[in-house]
PDB file of N, CA and C in Angstrom:
ATOM      1  N   UNK A   1       4.002 -17.803  28.187  1.00  0.00           N
ATOM      2  CA  UNK A   1       3.245 -18.063  26.975  1.00  0.00           C
ATOM      3  C   UNK A   1       2.580 -16.757  26.538  1.00  0.00           C
ATOM      4  N   UNK A   2       2.721 -16.400  25.277  1.00  0.00           N
ATOM      5  CA  UNK A   2       2.135 -15.167  24.764  1.00  0.00           C
ATOM      6  C   UNK A   2       0.630 -15.330  24.553  1.00  0.00           C
ATOM      7  N   UNK A   3      -0.062 -14.214  24.364  1.00  0.00           N
ATOM      8  CA  UNK A   3      -1.498 -14.254  24.083  1.00  0.00           C
ATOM      9  C   UNK A   3      -1.776 -15.092  22.839  1.00  0.00           C
ATOM     10  N   UNK A   4      -0.938 -14.976  21.840  1.00  0.00           N
ATOM     11  CA  UNK A   4      -1.142 -15.720  20.598  1.00  0.00           C
ATOM     12  C   UNK A   4      -1.019 -17.216  20.848  1.00  0.00           C
ATOM     13  N   UNK A   5      -0.031 -17.615  21.621  1.00  0.00           N
ATOM     14  CA  UNK A   5       0.136 -19.040  21.947  1.00  0.00           C
ATOM     15  C   UNK A   5      -1.028 -19.558  22.786  1.00  0.00           C
ATOM     16  N   UNK A   6      -1.504 -18.737  23.744  1.00  0.00           N
ATOM     17  CA  UNK A   6      -2.630 -19.160  24.584  1.00  0.00           C
ATOM     18  C   UNK A   6      -3.897 -19.333  23.764  1.00  0.00           C
ATOM     19  N   UNK A   7      -4.165 -18.412  22.854  1.00  0.00           N
ATOM     20  CA  UNK A   7      -5.373 -18.498  22.029  1.00  0.00           C
ATOM     21  C   UNK A   7      -5.322 -19.747  21.165  1.00  0.00           C
ATOM     22  N   UNK A   8      -4.198 -19.990  20.528  1.00  0.00           N
ATOM     23  CA  UNK A   8      -4.071 -21.174  19.678  1.00  0.00           C
ATOM     24  C   UNK A   8      -4.234 -22.455  20.483  1.00  0.00           C
ATOM     25  N   UNK A   9      -3.687 -22.503  21.691  1.00  0.00           N
ATOM     26  CA  UNK A   9      -3.770 -23.691  22.529  1.00  0.00           C
ATOM     27  C   UNK A   9      -5.188 -23.930  23.037  1.00  0.00           C
ATOM     28  N   UNK A  10      -5.936 -22.865  23.291  1.00  0.00           N
ATOM     29  CA  UNK A  10      -7.281 -22.989  23.853  1.00  0.00           C
ATOM     30  C   UNK A  10      -8.377 -22.985  22.810  1.00  0.00           C
ATOM     31  N   UNK A  11      -8.023 -22.883  21.545  1.00  0.00           N
ATOM     32  CA  UNK A  11      -9.021 -22.872  20.473  1.00  0.00           C
ATOM     33  C   UNK A  11     -10.058 -21.768  20.665  1.00  0.00           C
ATOM     34  N   UNK A  12      -9.617 -20.592  21.051  1.00  0.00           N
ATOM     35  CA  UNK A  12     -10.519 -19.466  21.257  1.00  0.00           C
ATOM     36  C   UNK A  12     -11.174 -19.075  19.936  1.00  0.00           C
ATOM     37  N   UNK A  13     -12.455 -18.756  19.957  1.00  0.00           N
ATOM     38  CA  UNK A  13     -13.198 -18.508  18.713  1.00  0.00           C
ATOM     39  C   UNK A  13     -13.001 -17.109  18.114  1.00  0.00           C
ATOM     40  N   UNK A  14     -11.789 -16.766  17.767  1.00  0.00           N
ATOM     41  CA  UNK A  14     -11.547 -15.539  17.020  1.00  0.00           C
ATOM     42  C   UNK A  14     -11.715 -15.854  15.534  1.00  0.00           C
ATOM     43  N   UNK A  15     -11.968 -14.851  14.713  1.00  0.00           N
ATOM     44  CA  UNK A  15     -12.101 -15.102  13.275  1.00  0.00           C
ATOM     45  C   UNK A  15     -10.844 -15.775  12.710  1.00  0.00           C
ATOM     46  N   UNK A  16     -11.046 -16.593  11.695  1.00  0.00           N
ATOM     47  CA  UNK A  16      -9.932 -17.312  11.068  1.00  0.00           C
ATOM     48  C   UNK A  16      -8.849 -16.332  10.637  1.00  0.00           C
ATOM     49  N   UNK A  17      -7.624 -16.619  11.008  1.00  0.00           N
ATOM     50  CA  UNK A  17      -6.480 -15.822  10.590  1.00  0.00           C
ATOM     51  C   UNK A  17      -6.207 -14.604  11.446  1.00  0.00           C
ATOM     52  N   UNK A  18      -7.104 -14.299  12.370  1.00  0.00           N
ATOM     53  CA  UNK A  18      -6.943 -13.086  13.165  1.00  0.00           C
ATOM     54  C   UNK A  18      -5.649 -13.099  13.975  1.00  0.00           C
ATOM     55  N   UNK A  19      -5.362 -14.190  14.654  1.00  0.00           N
ATOM     56  CA  UNK A  19      -4.159 -14.248  15.479  1.00  0.00           C
ATOM     57  C   UNK A  19      -2.892 -14.250  14.621  1.00  0.00           C
ATOM     58  N   UNK A  20      -2.980 -14.810  13.431  1.00  0.00           N
ATOM     59  CA  UNK A  20      -1.832 -14.757  12.514  1.00  0.00           C
ATOM     60  C   UNK A  20      -1.559 -13.318  12.087  1.00  0.00           C
ATOM     61  N   UNK A  21      -2.622 -12.564  11.792  1.00  0.00           N
ATOM     62  CA  UNK A  21      -2.443 -11.156  11.418  1.00  0.00           C
ATOM     63  C   UNK A  21      -1.911 -10.347  12.595  1.00  0.00           C
ATOM     64  N   UNK A  22      -2.380 -10.649  13.796  1.00  0.00           N
ATOM     65  CA  UNK A  22      -1.889  -9.962  14.988  1.00  0.00           C
ATOM     66  C   UNK A  22      -0.395 -10.242  15.182  1.00  0.00           C
ATOM     67  N   UNK A  23       0.004 -11.487  14.983  1.00  0.00           N
ATOM     68  CA  UNK A  23       1.412 -11.859  15.112  1.00  0.00           C
ATOM     69  C   UNK A  23       2.264 -11.169  14.052  1.00  0.00           C
ATOM     70  N   UNK A  24       1.757 -11.104  12.824  1.00  0.00           N
ATOM     71  CA  UNK A  24       2.492 -10.416  11.759  1.00  0.00           C
ATOM     72  C   UNK A  24       2.671  -8.939  12.081  1.00  0.00           C
ATOM     73  N   UNK A  25       1.606  -8.305  12.540  1.00  0.00           N
ATOM     74  CA  UNK A  25       1.689  -6.887  12.885  1.00  0.00           C
ATOM     75  C   UNK A  25       2.753  -6.674  13.956  1.00  0.00           C
ATOM     76  N   UNK A  26       2.730  -7.506  14.980  1.00  0.00           N
ATOM     77  CA  UNK A  26       3.698  -7.381  16.071  1.00  0.00           C
ATOM     78  C   UNK A  26       5.124  -7.573  15.555  1.00  0.00           C
ATOM     79  N   UNK A  27       5.305  -8.557  14.690  1.00  0.00           N
ATOM     80  CA  UNK A  27       6.632  -8.816  14.115  1.00  0.00           C
ATOM     81  C   UNK A  27       7.098  -7.636  13.267  1.00  0.00           C
ATOM     82  N   UNK A  28       6.231  -7.160  12.390  1.00  0.00           N
ATOM     83  CA  UNK A  28       6.595  -6.079  11.473  1.00  0.00           C
ATOM     84  C   UNK A  28       6.878  -4.767  12.198  1.00  0.00           C
ATOM     85  N   UNK A  29       6.169  -4.517  13.295  1.00  0.00           N
ATOM     86  CA  UNK A  29       6.276  -3.218  13.971  1.00  0.00           C
ATOM     87  C   UNK A  29       7.091  -3.261  15.252  1.00  0.00           C
ATOM     88  N   UNK A  30       7.511  -4.453  15.665  1.00  0.00           N
ATOM     89  CA  UNK A  30       8.282  -4.564  16.899  1.00  0.00           C
ATOM     90  C   UNK A  30       7.466  -4.243  18.139  1.00  0.00           C
ATOM     91  N   UNK A  31       6.166  -4.505  18.080  1.00  0.00           N
ATOM     92  CA  UNK A  31       5.275  -4.244  19.206  1.00  0.00           C
ATOM     93  C   UNK A  31       4.882  -5.554  19.876  1.00  0.00           C
ATOM     94  N   UNK A  32       4.291  -5.451  21.043  1.00  0.00           N
ATOM     95  CA  UNK A  32       3.797  -6.614  21.771  1.00  0.00           C
ATOM     96  C   UNK A  32       2.273  -6.563  21.768  1.00  0.00           C
ATOM     97  N   UNK A  33       1.621  -7.612  21.273  1.00  0.00           N
ATOM     98  CA  UNK A  33       0.156  -7.604  21.221  1.00  0.00           C
ATOM     99  C   UNK A  33      -0.457  -7.454  22.615  1.00  0.00           C
ATOM    100  N   UNK A  34      -1.637  -6.884  22.689  1.00  0.00           N
ATOM    101  CA  UNK A  34      -2.304  -6.754  23.991  1.00  0.00           C
ATOM    102  C   UNK A  34      -2.650  -8.124  24.559  1.00  0.00           C
ATOM    103  N   UNK A  35      -2.658  -8.215  25.878  1.00  0.00           N
ATOM    104  CA  UNK A  35      -3.003  -9.473  26.538  1.00  0.00           C
ATOM    105  C   UNK A  35      -4.490  -9.780  26.433  1.00  0.00           C
ATOM    106  N   UNK A  36      -5.313  -8.742  26.438  1.00  0.00           N
ATOM    107  CA  UNK A  36      -6.768  -8.928  26.399  1.00  0.00           C
ATOM    108  C   UNK A  36      -7.307  -8.330  25.103  1.00  0.00           C
ATOM    109  N   UNK A  37      -7.958  -9.171  24.320  1.00  0.00           N
ATOM    110  CA  UNK A  37      -8.527  -8.715  23.048  1.00  0.00           C
ATOM    111  C   UNK A  37     -10.032  -8.522  23.171  1.00  0.00           C
ATOM    112  N   UNK A  38     -10.680  -9.454  23.826  1.00  0.00           N
ATOM    113  CA  UNK A  38     -12.125  -9.369  24.057  1.00  0.00           C
ATOM    114  C   UNK A  38     -12.387  -9.381  25.547  1.00  0.00           C
ATOM    115  N   UNK A  39     -13.496  -8.756  25.941  1.00  0.00           N
ATOM    116  CA  UNK A  39     -13.911  -8.823  27.332  1.00  0.00           C
ATOM    117  C   UNK A  39     -15.428  -8.923  27.383  1.00  0.00           C
ATOM    118  N   UNK A  40     -15.897  -9.646  28.365  1.00  0.00           N
ATOM    119  CA  UNK A  40     -17.337  -9.805  28.558  1.00  0.00           C
ATOM    120  C   UNK A  40     -17.804  -8.750  29.544  1.00  0.00           C
ATOM    121  N   UNK A  41     -18.632  -7.839  29.086  1.00  0.00           N
ATOM    122  CA  UNK A  41     -19.110  -6.760  29.948  1.00  0.00           C
ATOM    123  C   UNK A  41     -20.485  -7.078  30.533  1.00  0.00           C
ATOM    124  N   UNK A  42     -20.823  -8.354  30.568  1.00  0.00           N
ATOM    125  CA  UNK A  42     -22.084  -8.773  31.166  1.00  0.00           C
ATOM    126  C   UNK A  42     -23.196  -8.989  30.170  1.00  0.00           C
ATOM    127  N   UNK A  43     -23.150  -8.269  29.053  1.00  0.00           N
ATOM    128  CA  UNK A  43     -24.199  -8.424  28.047  1.00  0.00           C
ATOM    129  C   UNK A  43     -23.626  -8.930  26.728  1.00  0.00           C
ATOM    130  N   UNK A  44     -22.464  -9.537  26.802  1.00  0.00           N
ATOM    131  CA  UNK A  44     -21.828 -10.095  25.606  1.00  0.00           C
ATOM    132  C   UNK A  44     -20.398  -9.607  25.456  1.00  0.00           C
ATOM    133  N   UNK A  45     -19.728 -10.168  24.482  1.00  0.00           N
ATOM    134  CA  UNK A  45     -18.318  -9.860  24.257  1.00  0.00           C
ATOM    135  C   UNK A  45     -18.150  -8.604  23.429  1.00  0.00           C
ATOM    136  N   UNK A  46     -17.114  -7.861  23.743  1.00  0.00           N
ATOM    137  CA  UNK A  46     -16.750  -6.672  22.988  1.00  0.00           C
ATOM    138  C   UNK A  46     -15.229  -6.550  22.996  1.00  0.00           C
ATOM    139  N   UNK A  47     -14.693  -5.690  22.145  1.00  0.00           N
ATOM    140  CA  UNK A  47     -13.255  -5.457  22.156  1.00  0.00           C
ATOM    141  C   UNK A  47     -12.855  -4.850  23.500  1.00  0.00           C
ATOM    142  N   UNK A  48     -11.707  -5.283  24.012  1.00  0.00           N
ATOM    143  CA  UNK A  48     -11.212  -4.731  25.268  1.00  0.00           C
ATOM    144  C   UNK A  48     -10.652  -3.331  25.038  1.00  0.00           C
ATOM    145  N   UNK A  49     -10.640  -2.562  26.092  1.00  0.00           N
ATOM    146  CA  UNK A  49     -10.034  -1.231  26.034  1.00  0.00           C
ATOM    147  C   UNK A  49      -8.563  -1.357  25.675  1.00  0.00           C
ATOM    148  N   UNK A  50      -7.894  -2.370  26.204  1.00  0.00           N
ATOM    149  CA  UNK A  50      -6.472  -2.601  25.906  1.00  0.00           C
ATOM    150  C   UNK A  50      -6.255  -2.825  24.407  1.00  0.00           C
ATOM    151  N   UNK A  51      -7.107  -3.641  23.789  1.00  0.00           N
ATOM    152  CA  UNK A  51      -6.994  -3.918  22.354  1.00  0.00           C
ATOM    153  C   UNK A  51      -7.251  -2.655  21.536  1.00  0.00           C
ATOM    154  N   UNK A  52      -8.320  -1.919  21.862  1.00  0.00           N
ATOM    155  CA  UNK A  52      -8.649  -0.702  21.125  1.00  0.00           C
ATOM    156  C   UNK A  52      -7.545   0.350  21.270  1.00  0.00           C
ATOM    157  N   UNK A  53      -6.986   0.470  22.459  1.00  0.00           N
ATOM    158  CA  UNK A  53      -5.884   1.411  22.687  1.00  0.00           C
ATOM    159  C   UNK A  53      -4.662   1.013  21.879  1.00  0.00           C
ATOM    160  N   UNK A  54      -4.352  -0.288  21.867  1.00  0.00           N
ATOM    161  CA  UNK A  54      -3.214  -0.785  21.081  1.00  0.00           C
ATOM    162  C   UNK A  54      -3.401  -0.440  19.607  1.00  0.00           C
ATOM    163  N   UNK A  55      -4.591  -0.687  19.086  1.00  0.00           N
ATOM    164  CA  UNK A  55      -4.869  -0.379  17.676  1.00  0.00           C
ATOM    165  C   UNK A  55      -4.677   1.107  17.398  1.00  0.00           C
ATOM    166  N   UNK A  56      -5.224   1.946  18.259  1.00  0.00           N
ATOM    167  CA  UNK A  56      -5.143   3.395  18.052  1.00  0.00           C
ATOM    168  C   UNK A  56      -3.710   3.911  18.152  1.00  0.00           C
ATOM    169  N   UNK A  57      -2.978   3.466  19.147  1.00  0.00           N
ATOM    170  CA  UNK A  57      -1.613   3.965  19.357  1.00  0.00           C
ATOM    171  C   UNK A  57      -0.622   3.469  18.307  1.00  0.00           C
ATOM    172  N   UNK A  58      -0.892   2.277  17.765  1.00  0.00           N
ATOM    173  CA  UNK A  58       0.065   1.670  16.840  1.00  0.00           C
ATOM    174  C   UNK A  58      -0.382   1.686  15.383  1.00  0.00           C
ATOM    175  N   UNK A  59      -1.574   2.222  15.124  1.00  0.00           N
ATOM    176  CA  UNK A  59      -2.061   2.325  13.752  1.00  0.00           C
ATOM    177  C   UNK A  59      -2.478   1.000  13.141  1.00  0.00           C
ATOM    178  N   UNK A  60      -2.866   0.047  13.967  1.00  0.00           N
ATOM    179  CA  UNK A  60      -3.310  -1.246  13.438  1.00  0.00           C
ATOM    180  C   UNK A  60      -4.790  -1.160  13.074  1.00  0.00           C
ATOM    181  N   UNK A  61      -5.105  -1.481  11.836  1.00  0.00           N
ATOM    182  CA  UNK A  61      -6.476  -1.452  11.350  1.00  0.00           C
ATOM    183  C   UNK A  61      -7.282  -2.614  11.947  1.00  0.00           C
ATOM    184  N   UNK A  62      -8.364  -2.272  12.634  1.00  0.00           N
ATOM    185  CA  UNK A  62      -9.234  -3.317  13.181  1.00  0.00           C
ATOM    186  C   UNK A  62      -9.865  -4.125  12.057  1.00  0.00           C
ATOM    187  N   UNK A  63     -10.252  -3.464  10.967  1.00  0.00           N
ATOM    188  CA  UNK A  63     -10.824  -4.195   9.823  1.00  0.00           C
ATOM    189  C   UNK A  63      -9.844  -5.250   9.317  1.00  0.00           C
ATOM    190  N   UNK A  64      -8.576  -4.878   9.247  1.00  0.00           N
ATOM    191  CA  UNK A  64      -7.578  -5.823   8.734  1.00  0.00           C
ATOM    192  C   UNK A  64      -7.318  -6.940   9.734  1.00  0.00           C
ATOM    193  N   UNK A  65      -7.023  -6.606  10.986  1.00  0.00           N
ATOM    194  CA  UNK A  65      -6.650  -7.644  11.942  1.00  0.00           C
ATOM    195  C   UNK A  65      -7.830  -8.554  12.269  1.00  0.00           C
ATOM    196  N   UNK A  66      -9.023  -8.022  12.377  1.00  0.00           N
ATOM    197  CA  UNK A  66     -10.174  -8.829  12.779  1.00  0.00           C
ATOM    198  C   UNK A  66     -10.789  -9.576  11.597  1.00  0.00           C
ATOM    199  N   UNK A  67     -10.930  -8.895  10.459  1.00  0.00           N
ATOM    200  CA  UNK A  67     -11.646  -9.483   9.328  1.00  0.00           C
ATOM    201  C   UNK A  67     -10.758  -9.866   8.146  1.00  0.00           C
ATOM    202  N   UNK A  68      -9.508  -9.380   8.155  1.00  0.00           N
ATOM    203  CA  UNK A  68      -8.638  -9.633   7.011  1.00  0.00           C
ATOM    204  C   UNK A  68      -8.992  -8.757   5.825  1.00  0.00           C
ATOM    205  N   UNK A  69      -9.652  -7.626   6.088  1.00  0.00           N
ATOM    206  CA  UNK A  69     -10.126  -6.736   5.021  1.00  0.00           C
ATOM    207  C   UNK A  69      -9.039  -5.736   4.654  1.00  0.00           C
ATOM    208  N   UNK A  70      -8.475  -5.892   3.460  1.00  0.00           N
ATOM    209  CA  UNK A  70      -7.417  -4.995   3.003  1.00  0.00           C
ATOM    210  C   UNK A  70      -7.961  -3.708   2.395  1.00  0.00           C
ATOM    211  N   UNK A  71      -9.233  -3.668   2.075  1.00  0.00           N
ATOM    212  CA  UNK A  71      -9.805  -2.502   1.388  1.00  0.00           C
ATOM    213  C   UNK A  71      -9.576  -1.218   2.183  1.00  0.00           C
ATOM    214  N   UNK A  72      -9.782  -1.272   3.491  1.00  0.00           N
ATOM    215  CA  UNK A  72      -9.613  -0.053   4.291  1.00  0.00           C
ATOM    216  C   UNK A  72      -8.168   0.432   4.246  1.00  0.00           C
ATOM    217  N   UNK A  73      -7.208  -0.480   4.195  1.00  0.00           N
ATOM    218  CA  UNK A  73      -5.799  -0.084   4.117  1.00  0.00           C
ATOM    219  C   UNK A  73      -5.494   0.596   2.792  1.00  0.00           C
ATOM    220  N   UNK A  74      -6.033   0.046   1.712  1.00  0.00           N
ATOM    221  CA  UNK A  74      -5.809   0.621   0.381  1.00  0.00           C
ATOM    222  C   UNK A  74      -6.432   2.010   0.304  1.00  0.00           C
ATOM    223  N   UNK A  75      -7.669   2.141   0.760  1.00  0.00           N
ATOM    224  CA  UNK A  75      -8.353   3.440   0.694  1.00  0.00           C
ATOM    225  C   UNK A  75      -7.688   4.474   1.601  1.00  0.00           C
ATOM    226  N   UNK A  76      -7.220   4.047   2.752  1.00  0.00           N
ATOM    227  CA  UNK A  76      -6.533   4.980   3.645  1.00  0.00           C
ATOM    228  C   UNK A  76      -5.253   5.515   2.997  1.00  0.00           C
ATOM    229  N   UNK A  77      -4.466   4.647   2.398  1.00  0.00           N
ATOM    230  CA  UNK A  77      -3.239   5.077   1.719  1.00  0.00           C
ATOM    231  C   UNK A  77      -3.577   5.984   0.531  1.00  0.00           C
ATOM    232  N   UNK A  78      -4.614   5.619  -0.209  1.00  0.00           N
ATOM    233  CA  UNK A  78      -5.038   6.416  -1.360  1.00  0.00           C
ATOM    234  C   UNK A  78      -5.463   7.814  -0.926  1.00  0.00           C
ATOM    235  N   UNK A  79      -6.307   7.881   0.104  1.00  0.00           N
ATOM    236  CA  UNK A  79      -6.790   9.170   0.596  1.00  0.00           C
ATOM    237  C   UNK A  79      -5.655  10.007   1.176  1.00  0.00           C
ATOM    238  N   UNK A  80      -4.705   9.378   1.856  1.00  0.00           N
ATOM    239  CA  UNK A  80      -3.551  10.120   2.372  1.00  0.00           C
ATOM    240  C   UNK A  80      -2.732  10.714   1.238  1.00  0.00           C
ATOM    241  N   UNK A  81      -2.585   9.945   0.166  1.00  0.00           N
ATOM    242  CA  UNK A  81      -1.841  10.457  -1.005  1.00  0.00           C
ATOM    243  C   UNK A  81      -2.573  11.632  -1.630  1.00  0.00           C
ATOM    244  N   UNK A  82      -3.881  11.545  -1.717  1.00  0.00           N
ATOM    245  CA  UNK A  82      -4.653  12.664  -2.281  1.00  0.00           C
ATOM    246  C   UNK A  82      -4.560  13.908  -1.406  1.00  0.00           C
ATOM    247  N   UNK A  83      -4.598  13.730  -0.104  1.00  0.00           N
ATOM    248  CA  UNK A  83      -4.453  14.874   0.804  1.00  0.00           C
ATOM    249  C   UNK A  83      -3.081  15.528   0.647  1.00  0.00           C
ATOM    250  N   UNK A  84      -2.083  14.730   0.386  1.00  0.00           N
ATOM    251  CA  UNK A  84      -0.729  15.243   0.214  1.00  0.00           C
ATOM    252  C   UNK A  84      -0.575  16.085  -1.037  1.00  0.00           C
ATOM    253  N   UNK A  85      -1.432  15.857  -2.018  1.00  0.00           N
ATOM    254  CA  UNK A  85      -1.376  16.615  -3.286  1.00  0.00           C
ATOM    255  C   UNK A  85      -2.141  17.930  -3.217  1.00  0.00           C
ATOM    256  N   UNK A  86      -3.044  18.035  -2.245  1.00  0.00           N
ATOM    257  CA  UNK A  86      -3.916  19.225  -2.164  1.00  0.00           C
ATOM    258  C   UNK A  86      -3.159  20.456  -1.725  1.00  0.00           C
TER     259      UNK A  86
END
């Protein structure tokens, strides 16, 4: 069972649509989502090192996958285009 299937089966409290976006990213990029997304470090939940590493290595926007925020993707593409013209 994949992480996405386990989360859906256990009703884990991730933001609405987060696991769907994670699945889409994996499908579109041919990657495998990290097994651990959150970890409890004793004083509350935080993103796991595995999740943060996956995002960094594969270029997955945390704003997009976690919050569904497309603005950062649009601005990143816009700024990259402007840098290319300089």
